[in-house]
Protein backbone atom coordinates (compact mmCIF):
# COMPACT_ATOMS: atom_id res chain seq x y z
CA MET A 1 -50.15 46.83 76.41
CA ALA A 2 -46.56 46.54 75.18
CA ASN A 3 -44.07 49.36 74.69
CA VAL A 4 -41.34 48.87 72.10
CA TYR A 5 -38.65 51.35 71.08
CA LYS A 6 -37.72 51.25 67.40
CA ASN A 7 -35.60 53.04 64.82
CA ALA A 8 -36.99 53.46 61.33
CA GLN A 9 -34.18 54.12 58.88
CA ALA A 10 -34.61 54.99 55.22
CA THR A 11 -33.28 56.93 52.27
CA ILE A 12 -35.54 59.36 50.43
CA THR A 13 -35.53 57.68 47.02
CA SER A 14 -38.16 59.67 45.08
CA ALA A 15 -37.24 63.06 43.68
CA GLY A 16 -39.95 65.62 44.45
CA SER A 17 -42.61 63.26 45.80
CA ASP A 18 -43.41 61.86 49.23
CA ASP A 19 -41.59 58.74 50.39
CA PRO A 20 -43.21 56.84 53.27
CA ILE A 21 -40.65 56.60 56.07
CA TYR A 22 -42.73 55.12 58.90
CA THR A 23 -46.27 53.74 59.10
CA VAL A 24 -47.89 53.10 62.48
CA PRO A 25 -48.95 49.45 62.83
CA SER A 26 -52.59 48.58 63.55
CA GLU A 27 -53.67 48.61 67.22
CA THR A 28 -50.72 50.90 67.98
CA THR A 29 -50.08 54.48 69.00
CA SER A 30 -46.59 55.79 68.27
CA VAL A 31 -44.63 58.62 69.84
CA VAL A 32 -41.94 59.96 67.50
CA LYS A 33 -39.11 61.16 69.72
CA SER A 34 -36.62 62.24 67.06
CA ILE A 35 -36.21 62.61 63.31
CA ARG A 36 -32.62 63.02 62.13
CA LEU A 37 -31.66 63.79 58.54
CA TYR A 38 -28.21 63.42 56.98
CA ASN A 39 -27.36 64.96 53.60
CA THR A 40 -24.75 62.97 51.65
CA ASP A 41 -24.72 65.48 48.78
CA ALA A 42 -22.23 68.30 48.11
CA SER A 43 -25.12 70.82 47.96
CA ALA A 44 -27.63 71.91 50.59
CA ARG A 45 -31.03 70.23 50.28
CA THR A 46 -34.52 71.09 51.55
CA VAL A 47 -36.61 68.29 53.03
CA GLN A 48 -40.36 68.47 53.62
CA THR A 49 -42.03 66.32 56.28
CA THR A 50 -45.70 65.37 55.85
CA ILE A 51 -47.98 63.38 58.13
CA THR A 52 -50.91 61.45 56.68
CA ASP A 53 -53.74 61.29 59.21
CA THR A 54 -55.59 58.24 57.94
CA SER A 55 -58.54 58.76 60.30
CA ALA A 56 -59.16 62.16 58.67
CA SER A 57 -58.04 61.07 55.18
CA ALA A 58 -55.77 64.11 55.03
CA ASP A 59 -52.13 65.06 54.62
CA TYR A 60 -50.58 67.75 56.81
CA ILE A 61 -47.25 69.37 56.09
CA PHE A 62 -45.33 69.20 59.35
CA GLY A 63 -42.44 71.37 58.23
CA LYS A 64 -39.50 72.04 55.94
CA VAL A 65 -35.84 72.10 56.89
CA SER A 66 -32.65 72.84 55.01
CA VAL A 67 -29.83 70.36 55.43
CA SER A 68 -26.36 71.73 54.65
CA ALA A 69 -24.01 69.79 52.40
CA THR A 70 -22.61 66.66 54.08
CA ASN A 71 -24.26 67.62 57.35
CA SER A 72 -27.15 66.53 59.56
CA VAL A 73 -30.10 68.23 61.22
CA ASP A 74 -32.81 67.29 63.72
CA VAL A 75 -36.35 67.91 62.48
CA LEU A 76 -37.86 67.86 65.97
CA THR A 77 -36.57 70.52 68.33
CA PHE A 78 -35.76 69.98 72.00
CA ASN A 79 -38.55 68.29 74.00
CA ASN A 80 -40.96 68.10 71.05
CA VAL A 81 -42.60 64.84 70.02
CA VAL A 82 -45.16 63.78 67.43
CA VAL A 83 -47.99 61.41 68.40
CA LEU A 84 -49.31 59.21 65.57
CA GLU A 85 -52.32 56.90 65.57
CA ALA A 86 -52.70 53.47 63.98
CA GLY A 87 -52.32 53.71 60.21
CA ASP A 88 -50.81 57.22 60.20
CA ILE A 89 -47.83 57.69 57.88
CA LEU A 90 -44.73 59.85 58.28
CA LYS A 91 -43.53 60.88 54.81
CA MET A 92 -40.63 62.96 53.51
CA GLN A 93 -39.62 64.45 50.20
CA CYS A 94 -36.57 66.10 48.68
CA ALA A 95 -36.07 67.48 45.16
CA THR A 96 -33.05 65.20 44.72
CA ALA A 97 -33.29 61.44 45.20
CA ASP A 98 -30.90 59.24 47.16
CA VAL A 99 -29.03 61.99 49.04
CA ILE A 100 -31.00 62.26 52.31
CA LYS A 101 -30.72 59.51 54.93
CA VAL A 102 -33.41 59.45 57.63
CA THR A 103 -33.45 57.98 61.14
CA VAL A 104 -36.66 58.14 63.16
CA ALA A 105 -36.75 57.08 66.84
CA VAL A 106 -40.22 55.82 67.80
CA LEU A 107 -41.94 54.43 70.89
CA GLU A 108 -44.72 52.05 69.80
CA MET A 109 -47.47 51.32 72.32
CA THR A 110 -49.65 48.42 71.27
CA ARG A 111 -53.18 48.00 72.60
CA THR A 112 -53.30 44.23 72.26
């Protein structure tokens, strides 16, 4: 069993629809330690986080946050983590494309 720390970095490029930010590799369980959003726009933007649980074939809205103009926000609050199973997908959406930058800090634990 190997533990690897990773950063997944992306820009939300679709306006009003989910963009996959991080997908858990097969034979892996991932612990999401932090999700940081940065708004490059001159207006405040709302970002929705959704988790696709592939074992249940369902999407779950994790939350919505407002990100002030040219500012950043942490989606996960102090000492909170998200545990994802193999194949699960962390997705985000914003009504405006190409203004939200995302950094996700993840611990991947492989079973092989």
